[in-house]
């Protein structure tokens, strides 16, 4: 059941990406959406990498000439899938916030409030 929910989430993101190519741009364009997804994916992937890692020294199976802390089974595919699903959720939240104008980006100030800009 969990796997179906993950596929549904990724399918929803894919459908929104396709729709962005045909609908007017009100906040997140097609290229912006892809760039946000890729940057978020890398950030989450690097955060997920240390999960469920067992070193060779923990299994008492150190390969001669290798680092004892090297992982026995890095499970990269699982971590890539987890990063993809998490990124889809983060992307949907950002898409909703930007596309529906829940946060007005024009009213945000990007510096100290005591500096007057001309």
Protein backbone atom coordinates (compact mmCIF):
# COMPACT_ATOMS: atom_id res chain seq x y z
CA UNK A 1 0.00 0.00 0.00
CA UNK A 2 2.84 2.38 0.84
CA UNK A 3 4.44 1.76 -2.54
CA UNK A 4 1.17 2.72 -4.30
CA UNK A 5 1.05 5.98 -2.36
CA UNK A 6 4.63 6.72 -3.39
CA UNK A 7 3.81 6.04 -7.05
CA UNK A 8 0.69 8.21 -6.78
CA UNK A 9 2.72 11.09 -5.35
CA UNK A 10 5.30 10.84 -8.12
CA UNK A 11 2.54 10.55 -10.73
CA UNK A 12 0.89 13.70 -9.42
CA UNK A 13 4.18 15.61 -9.67
CA UNK A 14 4.68 14.33 -13.23
CA UNK A 15 1.16 15.37 -14.28
CA UNK A 16 1.67 18.86 -12.82
CA UNK A 17 4.97 19.17 -14.70
CA UNK A 18 3.26 18.26 -17.96
CA UNK A 19 0.42 20.69 -17.23
CA UNK A 20 2.91 23.50 -16.62
CA UNK A 21 3.92 23.33 -20.26
CA UNK A 22 0.35 24.10 -21.40
CA UNK A 23 -1.00 26.39 -18.67
CA UNK A 24 -0.14 30.05 -18.13
CA UNK A 25 2.75 30.65 -15.74
CA UNK A 26 1.47 32.10 -12.46
CA UNK A 27 4.47 31.38 -10.26
CA UNK A 28 6.25 28.16 -11.14
CA UNK A 29 7.15 27.56 -14.76
CA UNK A 30 8.25 24.27 -16.27
CA UNK A 31 11.98 24.99 -16.05
CA UNK A 32 11.67 26.49 -12.56
CA UNK A 33 9.79 23.42 -11.38
CA UNK A 34 12.45 21.05 -12.73
CA UNK A 35 15.28 23.10 -11.23
CA UNK A 36 13.58 23.24 -7.82
CA UNK A 37 13.01 19.47 -7.99
CA UNK A 38 16.63 18.67 -8.90
CA UNK A 39 18.17 20.94 -6.28
CA UNK A 40 15.81 19.60 -3.62
CA UNK A 41 16.54 16.03 -4.71
CA UNK A 42 20.29 16.44 -4.29
CA UNK A 43 19.91 18.09 -0.90
CA UNK A 44 17.61 15.34 0.36
CA UNK A 45 19.72 12.58 -1.20
CA UNK A 46 22.82 13.82 0.63
CA UNK A 47 20.78 13.94 3.83
CA UNK A 48 19.45 10.40 3.34
CA UNK A 49 22.83 8.80 2.53
CA UNK A 50 23.88 8.12 6.15
CA UNK A 51 20.65 6.25 7.00
CA UNK A 52 20.87 2.50 7.74
CA UNK A 53 24.61 2.27 7.11
CA UNK A 54 26.52 -0.55 8.78
CA UNK A 55 30.30 -0.43 8.63
CA UNK A 56 32.49 -3.44 7.89
CA UNK A 57 33.88 -3.33 11.42
CA UNK A 58 30.35 -3.78 12.84
CA UNK A 59 29.93 -7.06 10.95
CA UNK A 60 33.51 -8.22 11.66
CA UNK A 61 33.99 -8.63 7.90
CA UNK A 62 36.71 -6.10 7.02
CA UNK A 63 38.03 -6.56 3.49
CA UNK A 64 41.83 -6.43 3.40
CA UNK A 65 43.06 -3.01 2.27
CA UNK A 66 39.74 -1.21 2.72
CA UNK A 67 38.54 1.27 5.31
CA UNK A 68 36.91 -0.51 8.28
CA UNK A 69 34.15 2.10 8.32
CA UNK A 70 33.22 1.47 4.69
CA UNK A 71 29.61 0.33 4.34
CA UNK A 72 28.86 -3.34 3.89
CA UNK A 73 25.78 -2.64 1.80
CA UNK A 74 25.26 1.04 0.89
CA UNK A 75 21.70 0.49 -0.53
CA UNK A 76 22.02 3.39 -2.95
CA UNK A 77 18.89 2.49 -4.98
CA UNK A 78 16.70 2.52 -1.85
CA UNK A 79 18.14 5.86 -0.81
CA UNK A 80 17.63 7.33 -4.27
CA UNK A 81 13.99 6.18 -4.21
CA UNK A 82 13.47 7.65 -0.71
CA UNK A 83 15.03 10.95 -1.79
CA UNK A 84 12.77 11.02 -4.86
CA UNK A 85 9.59 10.43 -2.87
CA UNK A 86 10.55 13.00 -0.21
CA UNK A 87 11.47 15.51 -2.91
CA UNK A 88 8.11 15.01 -4.62
CA UNK A 89 6.36 15.89 -1.36
CA UNK A 90 8.55 18.96 -0.77
CA UNK A 91 8.09 20.05 -4.37
CA UNK A 92 4.29 19.77 -4.14
CA UNK A 93 4.29 21.95 -1.03
CA UNK A 94 6.50 24.58 -2.70
CA UNK A 95 4.45 24.42 -5.89
CA UNK A 96 1.22 24.96 -3.96
CA UNK A 97 2.67 27.89 -2.01
CA UNK A 98 4.09 29.64 -5.07
CA UNK A 99 1.44 28.82 -7.66
CA UNK A 100 -1.56 29.77 -5.55
CA UNK A 101 0.09 32.87 -4.08
CA UNK A 102 -0.08 31.78 -0.45
CA UNK A 103 3.11 33.79 0.12
CA UNK A 104 3.53 37.11 -1.65
CA UNK A 105 7.15 37.09 -2.78
CA UNK A 106 7.06 40.78 -3.76
CA UNK A 107 6.43 41.86 -0.17
CA UNK A 108 9.39 39.97 1.25
CA UNK A 109 12.47 42.04 2.09
CA UNK A 110 15.83 40.50 1.40
CA UNK A 111 18.08 42.52 3.64
CA UNK A 112 18.25 44.52 6.82
CA UNK A 113 15.18 46.67 7.31
CA UNK A 114 17.21 49.77 8.24
CA UNK A 115 18.76 50.08 4.75
CA UNK A 116 16.76 52.12 2.28
CA UNK A 117 17.03 50.98 -1.31
CA UNK A 118 16.58 53.47 -4.13
